[in-house]
Amino acid sequence: MKSKYIKLIHIAKTQLNLDDDTYRKLLLTVTKKNSTKDMTIWELEKVLDNLKSKGFKVKSSKKAGRITATEPVHKKIRSLWLELADAGEVKNRSEKAINSYVKRITGVEVMNWLTQKQAMVVIESLKSWLERI
């Protein structure tokens, strides 16, 4: 999961046209560390949130229909979604449909870009949905 955050941060650096000095200063300001390799997931999330506040937009890839999210929280989201499908509440079992739901709940286009906190919001909303049936 850490490597995904680091990749997103580097994409944001490019998208926002940050030179290396500005980028390092931002890292130091947000986390008191000048390298993403030394950061915890929580610190990486803080940096990513800061970059989003500066205009970084996470764009969807063309692979949105494939199962790429394999972290435990992603598996939990998928399992709850499939449970809803088995109960007849959800008509489309695809990864694309899950990502659409995730986007509606969090604004994040692809499930594997969710922060831990965002993933928990999705999980809790799916659990609530299951309790209502």
C-alpha atoms as a PDB file:
ATOM      1  CA  MET A   1       0.000   0.000   0.000  1.00  0.00           C
ATOM      2  CA  LYS A   2       2.898   2.331   0.804  1.00  0.00           C
ATOM      3  CA  SER A   3       4.293   2.037  -2.731  1.00  0.00           C
ATOM      4  CA  LYS A   4       0.901   3.030  -4.199  1.00  0.00           C
ATOM      5  CA  TYR A   5       0.898   6.230  -2.145  1.00  0.00           C
ATOM      6  CA  ILE A   6       4.461   7.017  -3.180  1.00  0.00           C
ATOM      7  CA  LYS A   7       3.552   6.518  -6.865  1.00  0.00           C
ATOM      8  CA  LEU A   8       0.527   8.810  -6.498  1.00  0.00           C
ATOM      9  CA  ILE A   9       2.626  11.468  -4.785  1.00  0.00           C
ATOM     10  CA  HIS A  10       5.160  11.378  -7.620  1.00  0.00           C
ATOM     11  CA  ILE A  11       2.354  11.605 -10.188  1.00  0.00           C
ATOM     12  CA  ALA A  12       1.021  14.621  -8.275  1.00  0.00           C
ATOM     13  CA  LYS A  13       4.485  16.210  -8.273  1.00  0.00           C
ATOM     14  CA  THR A  14       4.568  15.915 -12.067  1.00  0.00           C
ATOM     15  CA  GLN A  15       0.944  16.993 -12.555  1.00  0.00           C
ATOM     16  CA  LEU A  16       1.446  20.109 -10.391  1.00  0.00           C
ATOM     17  CA  ASN A  17       4.798  20.893 -12.100  1.00  0.00           C
ATOM     18  CA  LEU A  18       6.692  21.013  -8.806  1.00  0.00           C
ATOM     19  CA  ASP A  19      10.453  21.369  -9.080  1.00  0.00           C
ATOM     20  CA  ASP A  20      12.541  19.212  -6.735  1.00  0.00           C
ATOM     21  CA  ASP A  21      13.278  22.014  -4.245  1.00  0.00           C
ATOM     22  CA  THR A  22       9.598  22.969  -3.932  1.00  0.00           C
ATOM     23  CA  TYR A  23       8.627  19.288  -3.616  1.00  0.00           C
ATOM     24  CA  ARG A  24      11.187  18.628  -0.852  1.00  0.00           C
ATOM     25  CA  LYS A  25      10.105  21.771   1.007  1.00  0.00           C
ATOM     26  CA  LEU A  26       6.472  20.600   0.845  1.00  0.00           C
ATOM     27  CA  LEU A  27       7.467  17.186   2.254  1.00  0.00           C
ATOM     28  CA  LEU A  28       9.416  18.834   5.083  1.00  0.00           C
ATOM     29  CA  THR A  29       6.568  21.213   5.876  1.00  0.00           C
ATOM     30  CA  VAL A  30       3.943  18.470   5.999  1.00  0.00           C
ATOM     31  CA  THR A  31       5.913  15.633   7.650  1.00  0.00           C
ATOM     32  CA  LYS A  32       9.337  16.978   8.723  1.00  0.00           C
ATOM     33  CA  LYS A  33      10.859  14.353   6.376  1.00  0.00           C
ATOM     34  CA  ASN A  34      12.315  15.057   2.948  1.00  0.00           C
ATOM     35  CA  SER A  35      11.785  11.630   1.380  1.00  0.00           C
ATOM     36  CA  THR A  36       8.620   9.592   0.908  1.00  0.00           C
ATOM     37  CA  LYS A  37      10.617   6.398   1.526  1.00  0.00           C
ATOM     38  CA  ASP A  38      11.078   7.396   5.179  1.00  0.00           C
ATOM     39  CA  MET A  39       7.376   8.123   5.765  1.00  0.00           C
ATOM     40  CA  THR A  40       4.639   6.085   7.360  1.00  0.00           C
ATOM     41  CA  ILE A  41       1.367   5.454   5.505  1.00  0.00           C
ATOM     42  CA  TRP A  42      -0.291   8.099   7.681  1.00  0.00           C
ATOM     43  CA  GLU A  43       2.361  10.658   6.679  1.00  0.00           C
ATOM     44  CA  LEU A  44       2.019   9.715   2.996  1.00  0.00           C
ATOM     45  CA  GLU A  45      -1.755  10.249   3.278  1.00  0.00           C
ATOM     46  CA  LYS A  46      -1.110  13.710   4.775  1.00  0.00           C
ATOM     47  CA  VAL A  47       1.195  14.602   1.860  1.00  0.00           C
ATOM     48  CA  LEU A  48      -1.324  13.295  -0.675  1.00  0.00           C
ATOM     49  CA  ASP A  49      -4.152  15.278   0.966  1.00  0.00           C
ATOM     50  CA  ASN A  50      -1.957  18.393   0.856  1.00  0.00           C
ATOM     51  CA  LEU A  51      -1.241  17.853  -2.854  1.00  0.00           C
ATOM     52  CA  LYS A  52      -4.968  17.362  -3.520  1.00  0.00           C
ATOM     53  CA  SER A  53      -5.670  20.674  -1.785  1.00  0.00           C
ATOM     54  CA  LYS A  54      -3.195  22.272  -4.198  1.00  0.00           C
ATOM     55  CA  GLY A  55      -5.140  20.976  -7.207  1.00  0.00           C
ATOM     56  CA  PHE A  56      -3.915  17.407  -7.784  1.00  0.00           C
ATOM     57  CA  LYS A  57      -6.636  15.274  -9.367  1.00  0.00           C
ATOM     58  CA  VAL A  58      -6.436  11.489  -9.297  1.00  0.00           C
ATOM     59  CA  LYS A  59      -7.372  10.260 -12.756  1.00  0.00           C
ATOM     60  CA  SER A  60      -8.904   6.903 -13.572  1.00  0.00           C
ATOM     61  CA  SER A  61      -6.882   4.411 -15.527  1.00  0.00           C
ATOM     62  CA  LYS A  62      -8.235   2.328 -18.373  1.00  0.00           C
ATOM     63  CA  LYS A  63      -7.794  -0.722 -16.143  1.00  0.00           C
ATOM     64  CA  ALA A  64     -10.740   0.268 -13.922  1.00  0.00           C
ATOM     65  CA  GLY A  65     -12.638  -2.924 -14.815  1.00  0.00           C
ATOM     66  CA  ARG A  66      -9.895  -5.286 -13.687  1.00  0.00           C
ATOM     67  CA  ILE A  67      -9.387  -6.426 -10.102  1.00  0.00           C
ATOM     68  CA  THR A  68      -6.338  -4.461  -9.011  1.00  0.00           C
ATOM     69  CA  ALA A  69      -7.222  -3.627  -5.413  1.00  0.00           C
ATOM     70  CA  THR A  70      -5.862  -6.487  -3.333  1.00  0.00           C
ATOM     71  CA  GLU A  71      -5.323  -4.983   0.133  1.00  0.00           C
ATOM     72  CA  PRO A  72      -7.439  -6.500   2.948  1.00  0.00           C
ATOM     73  CA  VAL A  73      -9.762  -3.451   3.067  1.00  0.00           C
ATOM     74  CA  HIS A  74     -10.344  -3.723  -0.683  1.00  0.00           C
ATOM     75  CA  LYS A  75     -11.149  -7.417  -0.340  1.00  0.00           C
ATOM     76  CA  LYS A  76     -13.622  -6.545   2.433  1.00  0.00           C
ATOM     77  CA  ILE A  77     -15.329  -3.935   0.230  1.00  0.00           C
ATOM     78  CA  ARG A  78     -15.535  -6.433  -2.629  1.00  0.00           C
ATOM     79  CA  SER A  79     -16.905  -9.177  -0.366  1.00  0.00           C
ATOM     80  CA  LEU A  80     -19.623  -6.889   1.055  1.00  0.00           C
ATOM     81  CA  TRP A  81     -20.520  -5.777  -2.488  1.00  0.00           C
ATOM     82  CA  LEU A  82     -20.832  -9.393  -3.653  1.00  0.00           C
ATOM     83  CA  GLU A  83     -22.916 -10.213  -0.572  1.00  0.00           C
ATOM     84  CA  LEU A  84     -25.301  -7.425  -1.587  1.00  0.00           C
ATOM     85  CA  ALA A  85     -25.367  -8.832  -5.120  1.00  0.00           C
ATOM     86  CA  ASP A  86     -26.195 -12.319  -3.787  1.00  0.00           C
ATOM     87  CA  ALA A  87     -29.061 -10.764  -1.810  1.00  0.00           C
ATOM     88  CA  GLY A  88     -30.387  -9.171  -5.004  1.00  0.00           C
ATOM     89  CA  GLU A  89     -29.661  -5.598  -3.879  1.00  0.00           C
ATOM     90  CA  VAL A  90     -26.928  -5.004  -6.469  1.00  0.00           C
ATOM     91  CA  LYS A  91     -27.434  -5.968 -10.097  1.00  0.00           C
ATOM     92  CA  ASN A  92     -23.876  -5.457 -11.358  1.00  0.00           C
ATOM     93  CA  ARG A  93     -21.167  -7.516  -9.638  1.00  0.00           C
ATOM     94  CA  SER A  94     -18.280  -6.056 -11.675  1.00  0.00           C
ATOM     95  CA  GLU A  95     -15.235  -4.198 -10.426  1.00  0.00           C
ATOM     96  CA  LYS A  96     -16.388  -1.219 -12.492  1.00  0.00           C
ATOM     97  CA  ALA A  97     -19.659  -1.129 -10.533  1.00  0.00           C
ATOM     98  CA  ILE A  98     -17.793  -1.300  -7.216  1.00  0.00           C
ATOM     99  CA  ASN A  99     -15.572   1.593  -8.347  1.00  0.00           C
ATOM    100  CA  SER A 100     -18.657   3.607  -9.318  1.00  0.00           C
ATOM    101  CA  TYR A 101     -20.089   3.094  -5.832  1.00  0.00           C
ATOM    102  CA  VAL A 102     -16.751   3.999  -4.237  1.00  0.00           C
ATOM    103  CA  LYS A 103     -16.631   7.192  -6.310  1.00  0.00           C
ATOM    104  CA  ARG A 104     -20.179   8.127  -5.289  1.00  0.00           C
ATOM    105  CA  ILE A 105     -19.362   7.656  -1.597  1.00  0.00           C
ATOM    106  CA  THR A 106     -15.830   9.126  -1.485  1.00  0.00           C
ATOM    107  CA  GLY A 107     -15.152  10.985  -4.737  1.00  0.00           C
ATOM    108  CA  VAL A 108     -12.193   8.681  -5.415  1.00  0.00           C
ATOM    109  CA  GLU A 109     -12.448   7.015  -8.828  1.00  0.00           C
ATOM    110  CA  VAL A 110     -10.733   3.689  -8.177  1.00  0.00           C
ATOM    111  CA  MET A 111     -10.928   1.578  -5.037  1.00  0.00           C
ATOM    112  CA  ASN A 112      -7.177   0.987  -4.711  1.00  0.00           C
ATOM    113  CA  TRP A 113      -6.593   4.766  -4.417  1.00  0.00           C
ATOM    114  CA  LEU A 114      -8.611   4.988  -1.213  1.00  0.00           C
ATOM    115  CA  THR A 115      -6.947   6.016   2.003  1.00  0.00           C
ATOM    116  CA  GLN A 116      -7.531   3.743   4.980  1.00  0.00           C
ATOM    117  CA  LYS A 117     -10.046   6.232   6.367  1.00  0.00           C
ATOM    118  CA  GLN A 118     -11.963   6.457   3.063  1.00  0.00           C
ATOM    119  CA  ALA A 119     -12.011   2.658   2.757  1.00  0.00           C
ATOM    120  CA  MET A 120     -13.544   2.404   6.226  1.00  0.00           C
ATOM    121  CA  VAL A 121     -16.279   4.878   5.226  1.00  0.00           C
ATOM    122  CA  VAL A 122     -17.137   2.670   2.229  1.00  0.00           C
ATOM    123  CA  ILE A 123     -17.093  -0.492   4.361  1.00  0.00           C
ATOM    124  CA  GLU A 124     -19.396   1.056   6.963  1.00  0.00           C
ATOM    125  CA  SER A 125     -21.821   2.270   4.280  1.00  0.00           C
ATOM    126  CA  LEU A 126     -21.965  -1.220   2.757  1.00  0.00           C
ATOM    127  CA  LYS A 127     -22.515  -2.770   6.199  1.00  0.00           C
ATOM    128  CA  SER A 128     -25.370  -0.331   6.855  1.00  0.00           C
ATOM    129  CA  TRP A 129     -26.891  -1.255   3.519  1.00  0.00           C
ATOM    130  CA  LEU A 130     -26.686  -4.953   4.395  1.00  0.00           C
ATOM    131  CA  GLU A 131     -28.340  -4.332   7.788  1.00  0.00           C
ATOM    132  CA  ARG A 132     -31.315  -2.680   6.069  1.00  0.00           C
ATOM    133  CA  ILE A 133     -32.181  -5.780   4.018  1.00  0.00           C
END
